[in-house]
C-alpha atoms as a PDB file:
ATOM      1  CA  THR A   1     114.503 196.714 159.308  1.00  0.00           C
ATOM      2  CA  PRO A   2     117.320 196.662 156.735  1.00  0.00           C
ATOM      3  CA  ASP A   3     114.712 196.333 153.962  1.00  0.00           C
ATOM      4  CA  GLU A   4     112.890 199.475 155.132  1.00  0.00           C
ATOM      5  CA  ALA A   5     116.190 201.365 155.380  1.00  0.00           C
ATOM      6  CA  MET A   6     117.156 200.277 151.851  1.00  0.00           C
ATOM      7  CA  TYR A   7     113.875 201.550 150.387  1.00  0.00           C
ATOM      8  CA  ARG A   8     114.159 204.823 152.342  1.00  0.00           C
ATOM      9  CA  GLU A   9     117.744 205.419 151.156  1.00  0.00           C
ATOM     10  CA  LEU A  10     116.812 204.483 147.584  1.00  0.00           C
ATOM     11  CA  SER A  11     114.054 207.106 147.629  1.00  0.00           C
ATOM     12  CA  GLU A  12     116.106 209.817 149.364  1.00  0.00           C
ATOM     13  CA  GLU A  13     119.269 209.392 147.287  1.00  0.00           C
ATOM     14  CA  VAL A  14     118.130 208.396 143.799  1.00  0.00           C
ATOM     15  CA  GLY A  15     114.372 209.004 143.771  1.00  0.00           C
ATOM     16  CA  LEU A  16     113.334 205.379 143.205  1.00  0.00           C
ATOM     17  CA  GLN A  17     110.342 203.759 144.915  1.00  0.00           C
ATOM     18  CA  ARG A  18     109.505 200.125 145.760  1.00  0.00           C
ATOM     19  CA  GLU A  19     107.728 199.611 142.463  1.00  0.00           C
ATOM     20  CA  HIS A  20     110.835 200.712 140.546  1.00  0.00           C
ATOM     21  CA  VAL A  21     113.015 197.808 141.729  1.00  0.00           C
ATOM     22  CA  GLU A  22     112.991 194.074 142.356  1.00  0.00           C
ATOM     23  CA  VAL A  23     115.097 192.654 145.190  1.00  0.00           C
ATOM     24  CA  ILE A  24     117.209 189.811 143.808  1.00  0.00           C
ATOM     25  CA  GLY A  25     119.269 189.125 146.917  1.00  0.00           C
ATOM     26  CA  ALA A  26     120.923 190.461 150.061  1.00  0.00           C
ATOM     27  CA  THR A  27     123.915 189.606 152.210  1.00  0.00           C
ATOM     28  CA  ARG A  28     123.090 186.970 154.812  1.00  0.00           C
ATOM     29  CA  GLY A  29     124.110 189.177 157.691  1.00  0.00           C
ATOM     30  CA  TRP A  30     125.669 192.485 158.579  1.00  0.00           C
ATOM     31  CA  LEU A  31     128.913 193.601 156.902  1.00  0.00           C
ATOM     32  CA  ARG A  32     130.978 195.624 159.379  1.00  0.00           C
ATOM     33  CA  TYR A  33     133.955 197.893 158.920  1.00  0.00           C
ATOM     34  CA  ARG A  34     135.977 200.412 160.881  1.00  0.00           C
ATOM     35  CA  LEU A  35     137.122 203.667 159.330  1.00  0.00           C
ATOM     36  CA  PRO A  36     140.872 204.308 159.013  1.00  0.00           C
ATOM     37  CA  ARG A  37     141.954 206.770 161.716  1.00  0.00           C
ATOM     38  CA  GLN A  38     142.563 209.628 159.266  1.00  0.00           C
ATOM     39  CA  TYR A  39     138.869 209.547 158.240  1.00  0.00           C
ATOM     40  CA  ILE A  40     137.358 209.646 161.724  1.00  0.00           C
ATOM     41  CA  ARG A  41     135.873 213.113 162.357  1.00  0.00           C
ATOM     42  CA  ARG A  42     136.444 213.510 166.060  1.00  0.00           C
ATOM     43  CA  ALA A  43     134.888 216.992 166.145  1.00  0.00           C
ATOM     44  CA  SER A  44     131.527 215.535 165.064  1.00  0.00           C
ATOM     45  CA  ARG A  45     129.078 214.202 167.604  1.00  0.00           C
ATOM     46  CA  PRO A  46     128.467 211.360 167.795  1.00  0.00           C
ATOM     47  CA  VAL A  47     131.877 210.196 166.576  1.00  0.00           C
ATOM     48  CA  CYS A  48     131.490 207.630 163.784  1.00  0.00           C
ATOM     49  CA  ILE A  49     134.218 204.977 163.806  1.00  0.00           C
ATOM     50  CA  GLY A  50     132.626 202.612 161.289  1.00  0.00           C
ATOM     51  CA  GLN A  51     129.388 201.138 160.045  1.00  0.00           C
ATOM     52  CA  LYS A  52     127.453 197.949 159.689  1.00  0.00           C
ATOM     53  CA  GLN A  53     125.511 197.398 156.494  1.00  0.00           C
ATOM     54  CA  VAL A  54     123.374 194.888 154.662  1.00  0.00           C
ATOM     55  CA  TRP A  55     123.971 195.014 150.912  1.00  0.00           C
ATOM     56  CA  PHE A  56     121.174 194.401 148.416  1.00  0.00           C
ATOM     57  CA  LEU A  57     121.227 193.358 144.767  1.00  0.00           C
ATOM     58  CA  LEU A  58     118.350 195.041 142.926  1.00  0.00           C
ATOM     59  CA  ARG A  59     116.986 194.898 139.405  1.00  0.00           C
ATOM     60  CA  MET A  60     115.761 198.263 138.172  1.00  0.00           C
ATOM     61  CA  LEU A  61     112.324 197.911 136.560  1.00  0.00           C
ATOM     62  CA  CYS A  62     111.856 201.502 135.394  1.00  0.00           C
ATOM     63  CA  PRO A  63     113.434 203.660 132.679  1.00  0.00           C
ATOM     64  CA  ASP A  64     116.827 205.223 133.464  1.00  0.00           C
ATOM     65  CA  LYS A  65     115.259 208.698 133.364  1.00  0.00           C
ATOM     66  CA  THR A  66     113.360 207.819 136.573  1.00  0.00           C
ATOM     67  CA  VAL A  67     116.600 208.168 138.552  1.00  0.00           C
ATOM     68  CA  SER A  68     116.726 211.605 140.189  1.00  0.00           C
ATOM     69  CA  LEU A  69     119.807 212.624 142.161  1.00  0.00           C
ATOM     70  CA  ASP A  70     118.359 215.892 143.507  1.00  0.00           C
ATOM     71  CA  GLN A  71     115.892 214.490 146.038  1.00  0.00           C
ATOM     72  CA  CYS A  72     117.448 216.323 148.994  1.00  0.00           C
ATOM     73  CA  ASP A  73     119.151 219.640 149.785  1.00  0.00           C
ATOM     74  CA  GLN A  74     122.636 218.091 149.824  1.00  0.00           C
ATOM     75  CA  PRO A  75     122.717 215.304 147.207  1.00  0.00           C
ATOM     76  CA  GLU A  76     125.242 212.528 147.792  1.00  0.00           C
ATOM     77  CA  PHE A  77     125.764 211.951 144.051  1.00  0.00           C
ATOM     78  CA  ASP A  78     126.186 214.283 141.092  1.00  0.00           C
ATOM     79  CA  ARG A  79     126.022 211.711 138.270  1.00  0.00           C
ATOM     80  CA  TRP A  80     125.585 208.022 137.611  1.00  0.00           C
ATOM     81  CA  CYS A  81     126.081 205.515 134.809  1.00  0.00           C
ATOM     82  CA  TRP A  82     125.754 201.804 134.167  1.00  0.00           C
ATOM     83  CA  VAL A  83     129.012 199.830 134.231  1.00  0.00           C
ATOM     84  CA  ASP A  84     129.887 196.213 133.526  1.00  0.00           C
ATOM     85  CA  TYR A  85     129.694 193.936 136.544  1.00  0.00           C
ATOM     86  CA  TRP A  86     133.494 193.533 136.685  1.00  0.00           C
ATOM     87  CA  HIS A  87     134.276 197.240 136.221  1.00  0.00           C
ATOM     88  CA  PRO A  88     136.712 198.290 138.980  1.00  0.00           C
END
């Protein structure tokens, strides 16, 4: 389910578990997009032309130091910070 995928990604990418967050909301359905042609990696298999996603709004319930960006061999992020809601 999208909820299970969200918790898995949260753990794999930033080291947070279910007890570290509270789900406040989620998009009602899937958000879909297609990649611009210049970003499609045709040499990769399978070829990814876009994605569909459900977005979640979470409240973090744990201290900032709980976030750990080195949970996998090839981390997707190298740093993070809090920003104002309207920060571009």
